[in-house]
């Protein structure tokens, strides 16, 4: 059977936002300063930016998360569960031992999202998997791994991650 020429188009918005989420958590967690507010803001960003039009449920969740940040209260068992898992992620990234092995450290943070019951949090993990498919992962890890050599933590990880993703996906 002859080969069929084709092109595959992948929306990289989810990849971009997920990489920024993981990079931010690596940066702050490796310094022990990640807060639940950071995880909530990253989750909201992932929900809002990834989709061209967010659903009513997504919008309600974002409103509820904003309300939680102001009042410390949230209603609804699913929202409470998602929030609880988000808080757990922030605690775990702060208490983790980071080795400087970017493959291990990156996978550890991704795994925190993979094991979540909340589809919103699990989606962050799923989107990071496209980095592998796009065959950009090794180059990205090399860029971020160099940060550890200099700082002994992932300080500036978010900034370098954002720059790397913008160069790869938006500049060809």
C-alpha atoms as a PDB file:
ATOM      1  CA  UNK A   1       0.000   0.000   0.000  1.00  0.00           C
ATOM      2  CA  UNK A   2       1.492   3.389  -0.946  1.00  0.00           C
ATOM      3  CA  UNK A   3       2.180   6.027   1.705  1.00  0.00           C
ATOM      4  CA  UNK A   4      -0.428   8.714   2.129  1.00  0.00           C
ATOM      5  CA  UNK A   5       0.946  12.177   2.637  1.00  0.00           C
ATOM      6  CA  UNK A   6      -0.816  14.022   5.404  1.00  0.00           C
ATOM      7  CA  UNK A   7      -0.368  16.683   8.021  1.00  0.00           C
ATOM      8  CA  UNK A   8      -1.484  16.576  11.621  1.00  0.00           C
ATOM      9  CA  UNK A   9      -2.457  19.722  13.427  1.00  0.00           C
ATOM     10  CA  UNK A  10      -2.266  19.839  17.203  1.00  0.00           C
ATOM     11  CA  UNK A  11      -3.538  22.803  19.167  1.00  0.00           C
ATOM     12  CA  UNK A  12      -0.510  23.653  21.297  1.00  0.00           C
ATOM     13  CA  UNK A  13      -2.354  26.003  23.655  1.00  0.00           C
ATOM     14  CA  UNK A  14      -2.964  23.244  26.212  1.00  0.00           C
ATOM     15  CA  UNK A  15       0.659  22.111  25.954  1.00  0.00           C
ATOM     16  CA  UNK A  16       1.886  25.661  26.456  1.00  0.00           C
ATOM     17  CA  UNK A  17      -0.294  26.303  29.515  1.00  0.00           C
ATOM     18  CA  UNK A  18       0.458  22.889  31.046  1.00  0.00           C
ATOM     19  CA  UNK A  19       4.201  23.336  30.615  1.00  0.00           C
ATOM     20  CA  UNK A  20       3.947  26.731  32.320  1.00  0.00           C
ATOM     21  CA  UNK A  21       1.986  25.096  35.169  1.00  0.00           C
ATOM     22  CA  UNK A  22       4.564  22.367  35.729  1.00  0.00           C
ATOM     23  CA  UNK A  23       7.493  24.772  35.315  1.00  0.00           C
ATOM     24  CA  UNK A  24       5.959  27.171  37.848  1.00  0.00           C
ATOM     25  CA  UNK A  25       5.423  24.387  40.367  1.00  0.00           C
ATOM     26  CA  UNK A  26       8.994  23.134  39.871  1.00  0.00           C
ATOM     27  CA  UNK A  27      10.336  26.638  40.374  1.00  0.00           C
ATOM     28  CA  UNK A  28       8.328  27.438  43.504  1.00  0.00           C
ATOM     29  CA  UNK A  29       8.252  23.925  44.930  1.00  0.00           C
ATOM     30  CA  UNK A  30      12.026  23.498  44.687  1.00  0.00           C
ATOM     31  CA  UNK A  31      12.290  26.620  46.837  1.00  0.00           C
ATOM     32  CA  UNK A  32       9.511  25.491  49.207  1.00  0.00           C
ATOM     33  CA  UNK A  33       7.330  28.528  48.450  1.00  0.00           C
ATOM     34  CA  UNK A  34       4.438  27.172  46.379  1.00  0.00           C
ATOM     35  CA  UNK A  35       1.072  28.234  47.770  1.00  0.00           C
ATOM     36  CA  UNK A  36      -2.425  26.928  47.208  1.00  0.00           C
ATOM     37  CA  UNK A  37      -3.199  30.295  45.590  1.00  0.00           C
ATOM     38  CA  UNK A  38      -0.573  29.601  42.914  1.00  0.00           C
ATOM     39  CA  UNK A  39      -2.081  26.205  42.104  1.00  0.00           C
ATOM     40  CA  UNK A  40      -5.590  27.696  41.979  1.00  0.00           C
ATOM     41  CA  UNK A  41      -4.456  30.494  39.659  1.00  0.00           C
ATOM     42  CA  UNK A  42      -2.677  27.995  37.395  1.00  0.00           C
ATOM     43  CA  UNK A  43      -5.768  25.792  37.286  1.00  0.00           C
ATOM     44  CA  UNK A  44      -7.977  28.760  36.372  1.00  0.00           C
ATOM     45  CA  UNK A  45      -5.486  29.824  33.697  1.00  0.00           C
ATOM     46  CA  UNK A  46      -5.463  26.323  32.241  1.00  0.00           C
ATOM     47  CA  UNK A  47      -9.266  26.217  32.122  1.00  0.00           C
ATOM     48  CA  UNK A  48      -9.750  29.688  30.648  1.00  0.00           C
ATOM     49  CA  UNK A  49      -6.862  29.944  28.176  1.00  0.00           C
ATOM     50  CA  UNK A  50      -7.036  26.427  26.773  1.00  0.00           C
ATOM     51  CA  UNK A  51     -10.542  26.703  25.413  1.00  0.00           C
ATOM     52  CA  UNK A  52     -11.807  29.225  22.899  1.00  0.00           C
ATOM     53  CA  UNK A  53     -15.136  29.241  24.675  1.00  0.00           C
ATOM     54  CA  UNK A  54     -15.428  27.919  28.192  1.00  0.00           C
ATOM     55  CA  UNK A  55     -18.487  26.000  29.295  1.00  0.00           C
ATOM     56  CA  UNK A  56     -20.907  27.237  31.913  1.00  0.00           C
ATOM     57  CA  UNK A  57     -19.544  24.653  34.375  1.00  0.00           C
ATOM     58  CA  UNK A  58     -15.970  25.800  33.745  1.00  0.00           C
ATOM     59  CA  UNK A  59     -16.994  29.406  34.278  1.00  0.00           C
ATOM     60  CA  UNK A  60     -18.821  28.528  37.498  1.00  0.00           C
ATOM     61  CA  UNK A  61     -15.755  26.684  38.782  1.00  0.00           C
ATOM     62  CA  UNK A  62     -13.501  29.668  38.037  1.00  0.00           C
ATOM     63  CA  UNK A  63     -15.938  31.994  39.819  1.00  0.00           C
ATOM     64  CA  UNK A  64     -16.068  29.624  42.793  1.00  0.00           C
ATOM     65  CA  UNK A  65     -12.258  29.472  42.917  1.00  0.00           C
ATOM     66  CA  UNK A  66     -12.056  33.280  42.847  1.00  0.00           C
ATOM     67  CA  UNK A  67     -14.596  33.414  45.655  1.00  0.00           C
ATOM     68  CA  UNK A  68     -12.535  30.872  47.613  1.00  0.00           C
ATOM     69  CA  UNK A  69      -9.418  33.019  47.247  1.00  0.00           C
ATOM     70  CA  UNK A  70     -11.335  35.972  48.724  1.00  0.00           C
ATOM     71  CA  UNK A  71     -13.383  34.224  51.425  1.00  0.00           C
ATOM     72  CA  UNK A  72     -11.716  30.867  52.087  1.00  0.00           C
ATOM     73  CA  UNK A  73     -15.024  29.124  51.391  1.00  0.00           C
ATOM     74  CA  UNK A  74     -16.185  26.942  48.514  1.00  0.00           C
ATOM     75  CA  UNK A  75     -19.434  25.094  47.916  1.00  0.00           C
ATOM     76  CA  UNK A  76     -20.119  21.844  46.110  1.00  0.00           C
ATOM     77  CA  UNK A  77     -18.534  18.454  46.710  1.00  0.00           C
ATOM     78  CA  UNK A  78     -16.789  18.303  43.308  1.00  0.00           C
ATOM     79  CA  UNK A  79     -15.376  21.796  43.716  1.00  0.00           C
ATOM     80  CA  UNK A  80     -14.226  20.976  47.252  1.00  0.00           C
ATOM     81  CA  UNK A  81     -12.600  17.788  45.978  1.00  0.00           C
ATOM     82  CA  UNK A  82     -10.785  19.624  43.149  1.00  0.00           C
ATOM     83  CA  UNK A  83      -9.669  22.323  45.558  1.00  0.00           C
ATOM     84  CA  UNK A  84      -8.466  19.733  48.064  1.00  0.00           C
ATOM     85  CA  UNK A  85      -6.399  18.002  45.410  1.00  0.00           C
ATOM     86  CA  UNK A  86      -4.969  21.343  44.280  1.00  0.00           C
ATOM     87  CA  UNK A  87      -3.959  22.156  47.853  1.00  0.00           C
ATOM     88  CA  UNK A  88      -2.396  18.704  48.149  1.00  0.00           C
ATOM     89  CA  UNK A  89      -0.369  19.336  44.979  1.00  0.00           C
ATOM     90  CA  UNK A  90       1.010  22.580  46.437  1.00  0.00           C
ATOM     91  CA  UNK A  91       1.960  20.827  49.689  1.00  0.00           C
ATOM     92  CA  UNK A  92       3.615  17.935  47.877  1.00  0.00           C
ATOM     93  CA  UNK A  93       5.704  20.099  45.552  1.00  0.00           C
ATOM     94  CA  UNK A  94       6.940  22.047  48.586  1.00  0.00           C
ATOM     95  CA  UNK A  95       7.910  18.952  50.562  1.00  0.00           C
ATOM     96  CA  UNK A  96       9.460  17.015  47.675  1.00  0.00           C
ATOM     97  CA  UNK A  97      13.150  16.241  47.416  1.00  0.00           C
ATOM     98  CA  UNK A  98      14.395  17.650  44.125  1.00  0.00           C
ATOM     99  CA  UNK A  99      17.443  15.917  42.743  1.00  0.00           C
ATOM    100  CA  UNK A 100      18.393  18.193  39.894  1.00  0.00           C
ATOM    101  CA  UNK A 101      17.561  15.350  37.496  1.00  0.00           C
ATOM    102  CA  UNK A 102      15.035  17.257  35.414  1.00  0.00           C
ATOM    103  CA  UNK A 103      13.536  14.077  33.931  1.00  0.00           C
ATOM    104  CA  UNK A 104      12.784  12.709  37.407  1.00  0.00           C
ATOM    105  CA  UNK A 105      11.702  16.025  38.914  1.00  0.00           C
ATOM    106  CA  UNK A 106       9.482  16.939  35.952  1.00  0.00           C
ATOM    107  CA  UNK A 107       7.853  13.510  35.954  1.00  0.00           C
ATOM    108  CA  UNK A 108       7.267  13.736  39.705  1.00  0.00           C
ATOM    109  CA  UNK A 109       5.299  16.982  39.375  1.00  0.00           C
ATOM    110  CA  UNK A 110       3.398  15.670  36.338  1.00  0.00           C
ATOM    111  CA  UNK A 111       2.519  12.536  38.277  1.00  0.00           C
ATOM    112  CA  UNK A 112       0.877  14.653  40.996  1.00  0.00           C
ATOM    113  CA  UNK A 113      -1.631  15.767  38.371  1.00  0.00           C
ATOM    114  CA  UNK A 114      -1.933  12.335  36.784  1.00  0.00           C
ATOM    115  CA  UNK A 115      -3.172  10.721  40.008  1.00  0.00           C
ATOM    116  CA  UNK A 116      -5.772  13.402  40.719  1.00  0.00           C
ATOM    117  CA  UNK A 117      -9.420  12.428  40.554  1.00  0.00           C
ATOM    118  CA  UNK A 118     -10.398  15.875  39.301  1.00  0.00           C
ATOM    119  CA  UNK A 119     -10.592  15.933  35.516  1.00  0.00           C
ATOM    120  CA  UNK A 120      -9.563  19.593  35.597  1.00  0.00           C
ATOM    121  CA  UNK A 121      -6.271  18.753  37.302  1.00  0.00           C
ATOM    122  CA  UNK A 122      -5.766  15.529  35.360  1.00  0.00           C
ATOM    123  CA  UNK A 123      -6.099  17.529  32.119  1.00  0.00           C
ATOM    124  CA  UNK A 124      -2.925  19.442  33.001  1.00  0.00           C
ATOM    125  CA  UNK A 125      -1.079  16.119  33.065  1.00  0.00           C
ATOM    126  CA  UNK A 126      -2.674  14.953  29.811  1.00  0.00           C
ATOM    127  CA  UNK A 127      -1.614  18.110  28.011  1.00  0.00           C
ATOM    128  CA  UNK A 128       2.031  17.703  29.081  1.00  0.00           C
ATOM    129  CA  UNK A 129       2.062  14.384  27.238  1.00  0.00           C
ATOM    130  CA  UNK A 130       1.877  16.222  23.908  1.00  0.00           C
ATOM    131  CA  UNK A 131       5.338  17.614  24.590  1.00  0.00           C
ATOM    132  CA  UNK A 132       6.593  14.050  24.015  1.00  0.00           C
ATOM    133  CA  UNK A 133       4.568  13.686  20.828  1.00  0.00           C
ATOM    134  CA  UNK A 134       5.900  16.953  19.466  1.00  0.00           C
ATOM    135  CA  UNK A 135       9.431  15.618  20.070  1.00  0.00           C
ATOM    136  CA  UNK A 136      10.473  18.720  21.962  1.00  0.00           C
ATOM    137  CA  UNK A 137      10.832  17.124  25.374  1.00  0.00           C
ATOM    138  CA  UNK A 138      14.578  16.390  25.431  1.00  0.00           C
ATOM    139  CA  UNK A 139      15.521  19.888  24.305  1.00  0.00           C
ATOM    140  CA  UNK A 140      13.170  21.391  26.877  1.00  0.00           C
ATOM    141  CA  UNK A 141      14.609  19.232  29.665  1.00  0.00           C
ATOM    142  CA  UNK A 142      18.145  20.306  28.742  1.00  0.00           C
ATOM    143  CA  UNK A 143      17.184  23.974  28.980  1.00  0.00           C
ATOM    144  CA  UNK A 144      15.481  23.536  32.355  1.00  0.00           C
ATOM    145  CA  UNK A 145      18.121  21.123  33.692  1.00  0.00           C
ATOM    146  CA  UNK A 146      20.765  23.802  33.287  1.00  0.00           C
ATOM    147  CA  UNK A 147      18.880  25.955  35.803  1.00  0.00           C
ATOM    148  CA  UNK A 148      19.494  23.390  38.524  1.00  0.00           C
ATOM    149  CA  UNK A 149      23.226  23.443  37.875  1.00  0.00           C
ATOM    150  CA  UNK A 150      23.293  27.178  38.465  1.00  0.00           C
ATOM    151  CA  UNK A 151      20.759  27.688  41.284  1.00  0.00           C
ATOM    152  CA  UNK A 152      20.460  24.223  42.917  1.00  0.00           C
ATOM    153  CA  UNK A 153      16.727  24.730  42.498  1.00  0.00           C
ATOM    154  CA  UNK A 154      14.484  25.531  39.546  1.00  0.00           C
ATOM    155  CA  UNK A 155      14.502  29.302  40.050  1.00  0.00           C
ATOM    156  CA  UNK A 156      13.452  31.093  36.833  1.00  0.00           C
ATOM    157  CA  UNK A 157      12.043  27.808  35.496  1.00  0.00           C
ATOM    158  CA  UNK A 158       8.740  29.425  34.537  1.00  0.00           C
ATOM    159  CA  UNK A 159      10.458  32.231  32.643  1.00  0.00           C
ATOM    160  CA  UNK A 160      12.776  29.883  30.728  1.00  0.00           C
ATOM    161  CA  UNK A 161       9.947  27.420  30.133  1.00  0.00           C
ATOM    162  CA  UNK A 162       7.737  30.156  28.704  1.00  0.00           C
ATOM    163  CA  UNK A 163      10.550  31.451  26.460  1.00  0.00           C
ATOM    164  CA  UNK A 164      11.388  27.957  25.238  1.00  0.00           C
ATOM    165  CA  UNK A 165       7.780  27.078  24.434  1.00  0.00           C
ATOM    166  CA  UNK A 166       7.238  30.380  22.630  1.00  0.00           C
ATOM    167  CA  UNK A 167      10.347  29.836  20.499  1.00  0.00           C
ATOM    168  CA  UNK A 168       9.477  26.259  19.614  1.00  0.00           C
ATOM    169  CA  UNK A 169       5.763  26.597  18.969  1.00  0.00           C
ATOM    170  CA  UNK A 170       5.358  30.142  17.795  1.00  0.00           C
ATOM    171  CA  UNK A 171       8.597  30.833  15.936  1.00  0.00           C
ATOM    172  CA  UNK A 172       8.805  27.493  14.155  1.00  0.00           C
END
